[in-house]
């Protein structure tokens, strides 16, 4: 125990010299590569962090761009739907208008045909009534009526029938 309290100066010097040699040896051959590896690792970590931050910013930018595109597509889709609805409504209105015009034309044509048929039937009926009247008059008179008298009687009967039908309408 005495030696611990009173160290030998030669031993101290040799211990210091040995320590300095080990430090110099480690400094030359071990610490530089270890420090270089640590610095390289630190640089790689910094680069990875920078790259991750850039990737995060790019991802955020892409997300914002995608949201903008989706919003634009939604607005264009809504616009197209609105336009298609308006076009459909216009086509529907046009078809209804054409159908109304066609039905009006058909109804008017039918009215004209009915009126014409009515006139034709009235004229035919007048002729038949006039012939019957002349025939009845001949039988009553017992003689044949002259052709000019017959035509005059038919005209008068037709004008009387016209006046009667006009008064009725």
C-alpha atoms as a PDB file:
ATOM      1  CA  UNK A   1       0.000   0.000   0.000  1.00  0.00           C
ATOM      2  CA  UNK A   2       2.911   2.196   0.440  1.00  0.00           C
ATOM      3  CA  UNK A   3       3.630   2.150  -3.209  1.00  0.00           C
ATOM      4  CA  UNK A   4       0.182   3.558  -3.971  1.00  0.00           C
ATOM      5  CA  UNK A   5       0.790   6.549  -1.788  1.00  0.00           C
ATOM      6  CA  UNK A   6       4.346   7.076  -2.955  1.00  0.00           C
ATOM      7  CA  UNK A   7       4.364   6.389  -6.655  1.00  0.00           C
ATOM      8  CA  UNK A   8       7.543   5.797  -8.511  1.00  0.00           C
ATOM      9  CA  UNK A   9       8.455   8.681 -10.853  1.00  0.00           C
ATOM     10  CA  UNK A  10       9.842   6.363 -13.507  1.00  0.00           C
ATOM     11  CA  UNK A  11       6.641   4.378 -13.582  1.00  0.00           C
ATOM     12  CA  UNK A  12       4.600   7.561 -13.950  1.00  0.00           C
ATOM     13  CA  UNK A  13       6.737   8.730 -16.862  1.00  0.00           C
ATOM     14  CA  UNK A  14       6.551   5.393 -18.599  1.00  0.00           C
ATOM     15  CA  UNK A  15       2.772   5.269 -18.048  1.00  0.00           C
ATOM     16  CA  UNK A  16       2.396   8.779 -19.500  1.00  0.00           C
ATOM     17  CA  UNK A  17       4.665   7.931 -22.462  1.00  0.00           C
ATOM     18  CA  UNK A  18       2.760   4.717 -23.102  1.00  0.00           C
ATOM     19  CA  UNK A  19      -0.559   6.575 -22.842  1.00  0.00           C
ATOM     20  CA  UNK A  20       0.627   9.230 -25.292  1.00  0.00           C
ATOM     21  CA  UNK A  21       1.855   6.557 -27.721  1.00  0.00           C
ATOM     22  CA  UNK A  22      -1.503   4.760 -27.529  1.00  0.00           C
ATOM     23  CA  UNK A  23      -3.308   8.100 -28.044  1.00  0.00           C
ATOM     24  CA  UNK A  24      -1.028   8.974 -30.986  1.00  0.00           C
ATOM     25  CA  UNK A  25      -1.441   5.507 -32.480  1.00  0.00           C
ATOM     26  CA  UNK A  26      -5.237   5.597 -32.020  1.00  0.00           C
ATOM     27  CA  UNK A  27      -5.326   9.179 -33.340  1.00  0.00           C
ATOM     28  CA  UNK A  28      -3.401   8.242 -36.442  1.00  0.00           C
ATOM     29  CA  UNK A  29      -5.057   4.922 -37.229  1.00  0.00           C
ATOM     30  CA  UNK A  30      -8.415   4.707 -35.379  1.00  0.00           C
ATOM     31  CA  UNK A  31      -9.872   8.120 -34.472  1.00  0.00           C
ATOM     32  CA  UNK A  32      -9.587   9.642 -37.925  1.00  0.00           C
ATOM     33  CA  UNK A  33     -11.451   6.769 -39.596  1.00  0.00           C
ATOM     34  CA  UNK A  34     -13.961   6.671 -36.716  1.00  0.00           C
ATOM     35  CA  UNK A  35     -14.495  10.452 -36.886  1.00  0.00           C
ATOM     36  CA  UNK A  36     -14.683  10.319 -40.685  1.00  0.00           C
ATOM     37  CA  UNK A  37     -17.279   7.520 -40.450  1.00  0.00           C
ATOM     38  CA  UNK A  38     -19.253   9.526 -37.859  1.00  0.00           C
ATOM     39  CA  UNK A  39     -19.082  12.656 -39.997  1.00  0.00           C
ATOM     40  CA  UNK A  40     -20.146  10.669 -43.055  1.00  0.00           C
ATOM     41  CA  UNK A  41     -23.026   9.165 -41.086  1.00  0.00           C
ATOM     42  CA  UNK A  42     -23.997  12.626 -39.786  1.00  0.00           C
ATOM     43  CA  UNK A  43     -23.914  13.984 -43.340  1.00  0.00           C
ATOM     44  CA  UNK A  44     -26.011  11.062 -44.584  1.00  0.00           C
ATOM     45  CA  UNK A  45     -28.536  11.624 -41.811  1.00  0.00           C
ATOM     46  CA  UNK A  46     -28.699  15.341 -42.654  1.00  0.00           C
ATOM     47  CA  UNK A  47     -29.143  14.512 -46.356  1.00  0.00           C
ATOM     48  CA  UNK A  48     -31.843  11.981 -45.499  1.00  0.00           C
ATOM     49  CA  UNK A  49     -33.621  14.562 -43.333  1.00  0.00           C
ATOM     50  CA  UNK A  50     -33.365  17.149 -46.115  1.00  0.00           C
ATOM     51  CA  UNK A  51     -34.616  14.609 -48.658  1.00  0.00           C
ATOM     52  CA  UNK A  52     -37.482  13.610 -46.352  1.00  0.00           C
ATOM     53  CA  UNK A  53     -38.439  17.258 -45.878  1.00  0.00           C
ATOM     54  CA  UNK A  54     -38.352  17.839 -49.641  1.00  0.00           C
ATOM     55  CA  UNK A  55     -40.418  14.698 -50.199  1.00  0.00           C
ATOM     56  CA  UNK A  56     -42.910  15.904 -47.593  1.00  0.00           C
ATOM     57  CA  UNK A  57     -43.131  19.310 -49.298  1.00  0.00           C
ATOM     58  CA  UNK A  58     -43.521  17.629 -52.710  1.00  0.00           C
ATOM     59  CA  UNK A  59     -46.211  15.333 -51.315  1.00  0.00           C
ATOM     60  CA  UNK A  60     -48.029  18.329 -49.800  1.00  0.00           C
ATOM     61  CA  UNK A  61     -47.762  20.205 -53.103  1.00  0.00           C
ATOM     62  CA  UNK A  62     -49.021  17.148 -54.996  1.00  0.00           C
ATOM     63  CA  UNK A  63     -51.917  16.799 -52.543  1.00  0.00           C
ATOM     64  CA  UNK A  64     -52.859  20.457 -53.014  1.00  0.00           C
ATOM     65  CA  UNK A  65     -52.584  20.121 -56.808  1.00  0.00           C
ATOM     66  CA  UNK A  66     -54.702  16.984 -56.720  1.00  0.00           C
ATOM     67  CA  UNK A  67     -57.329  18.689 -54.547  1.00  0.00           C
ATOM     68  CA  UNK A  68     -57.408  21.615 -56.977  1.00  0.00           C
ATOM     69  CA  UNK A  69     -57.809  19.236 -59.934  1.00  0.00           C
ATOM     70  CA  UNK A  70     -60.572  17.330 -58.159  1.00  0.00           C
ATOM     71  CA  UNK A  71     -62.367  20.590 -57.355  1.00  0.00           C
ATOM     72  CA  UNK A  72     -61.974  21.696 -60.988  1.00  0.00           C
ATOM     73  CA  UNK A  73     -63.287  18.348 -62.241  1.00  0.00           C
ATOM     74  CA  UNK A  74     -66.231  18.576 -59.867  1.00  0.00           C
ATOM     75  CA  UNK A  75     -67.098  22.071 -61.067  1.00  0.00           C
ATOM     76  CA  UNK A  76     -66.747  21.033 -64.725  1.00  0.00           C
ATOM     77  CA  UNK A  77     -68.837  17.932 -64.091  1.00  0.00           C
ATOM     78  CA  UNK A  78     -71.523  20.026 -62.403  1.00  0.00           C
ATOM     79  CA  UNK A  79     -71.364  22.496 -65.280  1.00  0.00           C
ATOM     80  CA  UNK A  80     -71.770  19.685 -67.823  1.00  0.00           C
ATOM     81  CA  UNK A  81     -74.658  18.217 -65.846  1.00  0.00           C
ATOM     82  CA  UNK A  82     -76.353  21.620 -65.644  1.00  0.00           C
ATOM     83  CA  UNK A  83     -75.872  22.176 -69.372  1.00  0.00           C
ATOM     84  CA  UNK A  84     -77.166  18.671 -70.164  1.00  0.00           C
ATOM     85  CA  UNK A  85     -80.207  19.307 -67.977  1.00  0.00           C
ATOM     86  CA  UNK A  86     -80.876  22.632 -69.723  1.00  0.00           C
ATOM     87  CA  UNK A  87     -80.416  21.008 -73.141  1.00  0.00           C
ATOM     88  CA  UNK A  88     -82.762  18.197 -72.150  1.00  0.00           C
ATOM     89  CA  UNK A  89     -85.352  20.692 -70.933  1.00  0.00           C
ATOM     90  CA  UNK A  90     -85.038  22.689 -74.168  1.00  0.00           C
ATOM     91  CA  UNK A  91     -85.381  19.536 -76.288  1.00  0.00           C
ATOM     92  CA  UNK A  92     -88.407  18.515 -74.229  1.00  0.00           C
ATOM     93  CA  UNK A  93     -89.980  21.947 -74.723  1.00  0.00           C
ATOM     94  CA  UNK A  94     -89.206  21.860 -78.437  1.00  0.00           C
ATOM     95  CA  UNK A  95     -90.741  18.402 -78.766  1.00  0.00           C
ATOM     96  CA  UNK A  96     -93.830  19.529 -76.860  1.00  0.00           C
ATOM     97  CA  UNK A  97     -94.099  22.611 -79.087  1.00  0.00           C
ATOM     98  CA  UNK A  98     -93.782  20.508 -82.244  1.00  0.00           C
ATOM     99  CA  UNK A  99     -96.343  18.026 -80.897  1.00  0.00           C
ATOM    100  CA  UNK A 100     -98.770  20.852 -80.084  1.00  0.00           C
ATOM    101  CA  UNK A 101     -98.281  22.368 -83.539  1.00  0.00           C
ATOM    102  CA  UNK A 102     -98.803  18.987 -85.186  1.00  0.00           C
ATOM    103  CA  UNK A 103    -101.939  18.290 -83.151  1.00  0.00           C
ATOM    104  CA  UNK A 104    -103.209  21.783 -83.957  1.00  0.00           C
ATOM    105  CA  UNK A 105    -102.553  21.195 -87.676  1.00  0.00           C
ATOM    106  CA  UNK A 106    -104.248  17.807 -87.538  1.00  0.00           C
ATOM    107  CA  UNK A 107    -107.237  19.264 -85.661  1.00  0.00           C
ATOM    108  CA  UNK A 108    -107.511  22.140 -88.159  1.00  0.00           C
ATOM    109  CA  UNK A 109    -107.249  19.731 -91.105  1.00  0.00           C
ATOM    110  CA  UNK A 110    -109.915  17.530 -89.538  1.00  0.00           C
ATOM    111  CA  UNK A 111    -112.168  20.565 -88.998  1.00  0.00           C
ATOM    112  CA  UNK A 112    -111.713  21.606 -92.627  1.00  0.00           C
ATOM    113  CA  UNK A 113    -112.448  18.086 -93.840  1.00  0.00           C
ATOM    114  CA  UNK A 114    -115.510  17.868 -91.602  1.00  0.00           C
ATOM    115  CA  UNK A 115    -116.737  21.264 -92.816  1.00  0.00           C
ATOM    116  CA  UNK A 116    -116.170  20.258 -96.426  1.00  0.00           C
ATOM    117  CA  UNK A 117    -117.927  16.936 -95.868  1.00  0.00           C
ATOM    118  CA  UNK A 118    -120.784  18.778 -94.166  1.00  0.00           C
ATOM    119  CA  UNK A 119    -121.095  21.157 -97.133  1.00  0.00           C
ATOM    120  CA  UNK A 120    -121.004  18.264 -99.568  1.00  0.00           C
ATOM    121  CA  UNK A 121    -123.653  16.375 -97.629  1.00  0.00           C
ATOM    122  CA  UNK A 122    -125.819  19.498 -97.329  1.00  0.00           C
ATOM    123  CA  UNK A 123    -125.564  20.078-101.092  1.00  0.00           C
ATOM    124  CA  UNK A 124    -126.364  16.433-101.759  1.00  0.00           C
ATOM    125  CA  UNK A 125    -129.251  16.581 -99.323  1.00  0.00           C
ATOM    126  CA  UNK A 126    -130.548  19.757-100.978  1.00  0.00           C
ATOM    127  CA  UNK A 127    -130.448  18.068-104.338  1.00  0.00           C
ATOM    128  CA  UNK A 128    -132.249  15.023-102.966  1.00  0.00           C
ATOM    129  CA  UNK A 129    -134.846  17.173-101.178  1.00  0.00           C
ATOM    130  CA  UNK A 130    -135.354  19.271-104.274  1.00  0.00           C
ATOM    131  CA  UNK A 131    -135.763  16.150-106.443  1.00  0.00           C
ATOM    132  CA  UNK A 132    -138.228  14.732-103.951  1.00  0.00           C
ATOM    133  CA  UNK A 133    -140.089  18.020-103.844  1.00  0.00           C
ATOM    134  CA  UNK A 134    -140.286  18.177-107.661  1.00  0.00           C
ATOM    135  CA  UNK A 135    -141.338  14.546-107.782  1.00  0.00           C
ATOM    136  CA  UNK A 136    -144.008  15.194-105.167  1.00  0.00           C
ATOM    137  CA  UNK A 137    -145.167  18.321-106.982  1.00  0.00           C
ATOM    138  CA  UNK A 138    -145.419  16.400-110.282  1.00  0.00           C
ATOM    139  CA  UNK A 139    -147.509  13.732-108.628  1.00  0.00           C
ATOM    140  CA  UNK A 140    -149.706  16.317-106.986  1.00  0.00           C
ATOM    141  CA  UNK A 141    -150.135  18.275-110.183  1.00  0.00           C
ATOM    142  CA  UNK A 142    -150.353  15.161-112.223  1.00  0.00           C
ATOM    143  CA  UNK A 143    -148.183  16.431-114.941  1.00  0.00           C
ATOM    144  CA  UNK A 144    -144.552  16.768-115.757  1.00  0.00           C
ATOM    145  CA  UNK A 145    -142.969  20.051-114.864  1.00  0.00           C
ATOM    146  CA  UNK A 146    -140.970  21.859-117.504  1.00  0.00           C
ATOM    147  CA  UNK A 147    -137.191  21.668-117.103  1.00  0.00           C
ATOM    148  CA  UNK A 148    -136.753  25.464-116.702  1.00  0.00           C
ATOM    149  CA  UNK A 149    -139.526  25.584-114.107  1.00  0.00           C
ATOM    150  CA  UNK A 150    -137.927  22.651-112.355  1.00  0.00           C
ATOM    151  CA  UNK A 151    -134.526  24.390-112.229  1.00  0.00           C
ATOM    152  CA  UNK A 152    -136.107  27.612-110.956  1.00  0.00           C
ATOM    153  CA  UNK A 153    -137.920  25.680-108.229  1.00  0.00           C
ATOM    154  CA  UNK A 154    -134.697  23.882-107.279  1.00  0.00           C
ATOM    155  CA  UNK A 155    -132.820  27.200-107.017  1.00  0.00           C
ATOM    156  CA  UNK A 156    -135.529  28.714-104.866  1.00  0.00           C
ATOM    157  CA  UNK A 157    -135.602  25.627-102.636  1.00  0.00           C
ATOM    158  CA  UNK A 158    -131.797  25.699-102.330  1.00  0.00           C
ATOM    159  CA  UNK A 159    -131.812  29.392-101.401  1.00  0.00           C
ATOM    160  CA  UNK A 160    -134.580  28.738 -98.857  1.00  0.00           C
ATOM    161  CA  UNK A 161    -132.525  25.882 -97.402  1.00  0.00           C
ATOM    162  CA  UNK A 162    -129.419  28.139 -97.274  1.00  0.00           C
ATOM    163  CA  UNK A 163    -131.365  30.820 -95.452  1.00  0.00           C
ATOM    164  CA  UNK A 164    -132.812  28.229 -93.080  1.00  0.00           C
ATOM    165  CA  UNK A 165    -129.352  26.659 -92.335  1.00  0.00           C
ATOM    166  CA  UNK A 166    -127.771  30.115 -91.794  1.00  0.00           C
ATOM    167  CA  UNK A 167    -130.568  31.094 -89.444  1.00  0.00           C
ATOM    168  CA  UNK A 168    -130.077  27.827 -87.566  1.00  0.00           C
ATOM    169  CA  UNK A 169    -126.306  28.356 -87.130  1.00  0.00           C
END
